[in-house]
Amino acid sequence: MSVAKTYWAEHAWLPHVNGPVVEPDVLVEVAADGRIARVVPDSGPCPPGAVRLAGLLVPGQANAHSHAFHRALRGTVQVGSGTFWTWRDTMYRFAAALDPDSYLALATAVYAEMALAGITAVGEFHYLHHAPGGARYADPNAMGEALIEAAARAGIRITLLDTCYLSSGFGAELTKPQLRFGDGDANAWAERATALRPREHARIGAAIHSVRAVPAEQLGTVAHWAAMRKAPLHVHLSEQTAENDACLTAHGVTPTRLLADHGVLGPRTSAVHATHLSEEDIKLLSDSSTVICMCPTTERDLADGIGPARQLARAGCPVTLGSDSHAVIDPFEEARALELNERLRSRTRGHWTANALLRAGTEDGHASLGWPEAGRIEAGALADFTVLALDSVRTTGPTPRLGVETAVFAATASDVRHVVVGGRQIVIDGVHALVPDVASALQTSISALKVS
C-alpha cells in the first residue's frame, strides 16, 4: 500500500490488547485511499517530510445526533424562561425561514464549527424535507442534498438520517409549522428516501422522529426500510414525560414497548435521549442491544432530566454522544457531562473511565452512524483524527500519559489544534482550511434568516 502522507504526533491514544494507551512519538502513514496504512509508536523524532502534530492525537469525534438548523437558536431561546414546548415554538419559526440555499449556507457553517471542535462525522437527524406549507421542491430531497453538500464543503463525513415525521401527536394532523416535515405516510417517506444516494463522504440512514410523530402501524415500514439496507435507524425516545403519558393513553404501553412491538429496536438502532424509562424499558433496550445516544448539553438546556445512561451501559447498551440542539458544540463537554451528571445523581464518582467516555464519542459513535471503519487509530481505519493541545491554560500540567483524562475532563473545543479527515487536513493550527472565517459564516447565514 503506497503512502500518500505521513503524520507524526507527539502523543497518540492507540488501541492496545489491555485497553487504549497514550504512546509517544507516533508515526501515522496514510494511504492514497484515505485510510491509515501504518501506525508506529515510539518512532523517534519527527522524520523529514512528515507533518508534525504537537499535542495529543485522538480519533475524530462522531456527533451522533444533530439538527443543524437548531444552531440558529443559540442565545435566542435563553431569553426569559419557558418550557420545552415554548422552545419548540421558537424552533418552528426558524425552521419556516429555511430553503435549500439558506440551509446549505447555514449547515456549511455549522459543520465547519463542528470540525473546529474536533468532529469528523455527524449524524444529521433530518426532517426539514419540503417547503413551508408542505409544497414539494422540484427535487423532493433538495433539503437533504443541501446537508450532504454542506458536509462536503466543511470537509466532514455525514450520515443523513432521513426522518419520517407524519403526525403532530398520536394520529393528530400535522400543525401548520410541521407541514413541511411530512410525506403523507411511511410508504411515501420510503419512496422519497430511497432516491437519496450515498457518496464517498456521505451515508444514508433512517429515523423515526418519535412514537408521537409516526403512527404505530407505520413504524414497521421505516424499520423494514432500514433493515433491508442494513442502514442506521435512529429515534427520539422518551425525552419528555409528556410523551410517555400520551403513549400510555393512546396505546396502553410505553414508547419503548411500542417500538419493540413493531420491530424498531436492535443493534443498528439508536435511541436518542432515553431519559424517562421504566425498568422494563431498560431491559427491552438492553436485550435488543439498542444503542443509546445521550445529548447531555441539550438535555440540561431543555430541562429534560438525567437519563439512566450508566444503568443502560451496565445492562449492555453501547452509549454514544450528540450535540442535538447545539446549545454548545463541544464533544469533550458532552463526554464529561455523561460522567458528571451521574455523579450529581448518585453522589458518587467513577462511573466511566476517561477511556470509556472517549470511546463513546469516537468508535461507538461512528459505528452507530454506519461508519464502523472509523473511530480508531490503527492500520486499515479511516484516517480521521483530531489533535488536542496539551499546553493550553486548560490542559497544561498533567503528564502526557494522562492525556485522555485531561482531554475528557479539562479540554474544550477551543483546545483542538488540527483535524484530519481521510488523510486531508481540514483544520490547521485552529483555523478551518475550507471555511476560513467560520464565525462570519455563521453570523451571515443566521442573520439572513430574518427571524424575529
Foldseek 3Di string as FASTA:
>chain_A
DDFDAKAWEQWEFAQDPVGTFIFGGWIWTAHPQQFTAFIDGPPDDDDPRHHYFYFYKFFFFEFQEAAQQLQLCQPVQVPDDDALVVVVVLVLLSLLLDDLVLLLLSLLLSLLLLVLQRHQEYEHADQQQAHQQQDADPQSRSNVVSNCVSSVLSRHAYEDALEAFAAPFQPHGDDRSCNSRHQNALVSSLVSQVPDDADPRYHYHHEYAFCGGHHLVRLLSRQVSCVVVVAAYEYEACLAVVNQVRCCVNPVDGRLVSCVVSVNAACLYEHEQQADDDPVSLVSNLVRLHAYEYQQVVSVVNVSHQRPVLSSVVSRHQYAYHNYSPNDNKLLVRLVSNQVSVCVVVVDHDSDDLSSSLQRRFQVSCVNRVQNLGRHSGGRRRPWMWGFHCPDPQRDDDDCRCSSVSSNPTDTSNRTQWIAGSNHTQHHGSAGPSPRCSVVSNVVSSVVSVRD
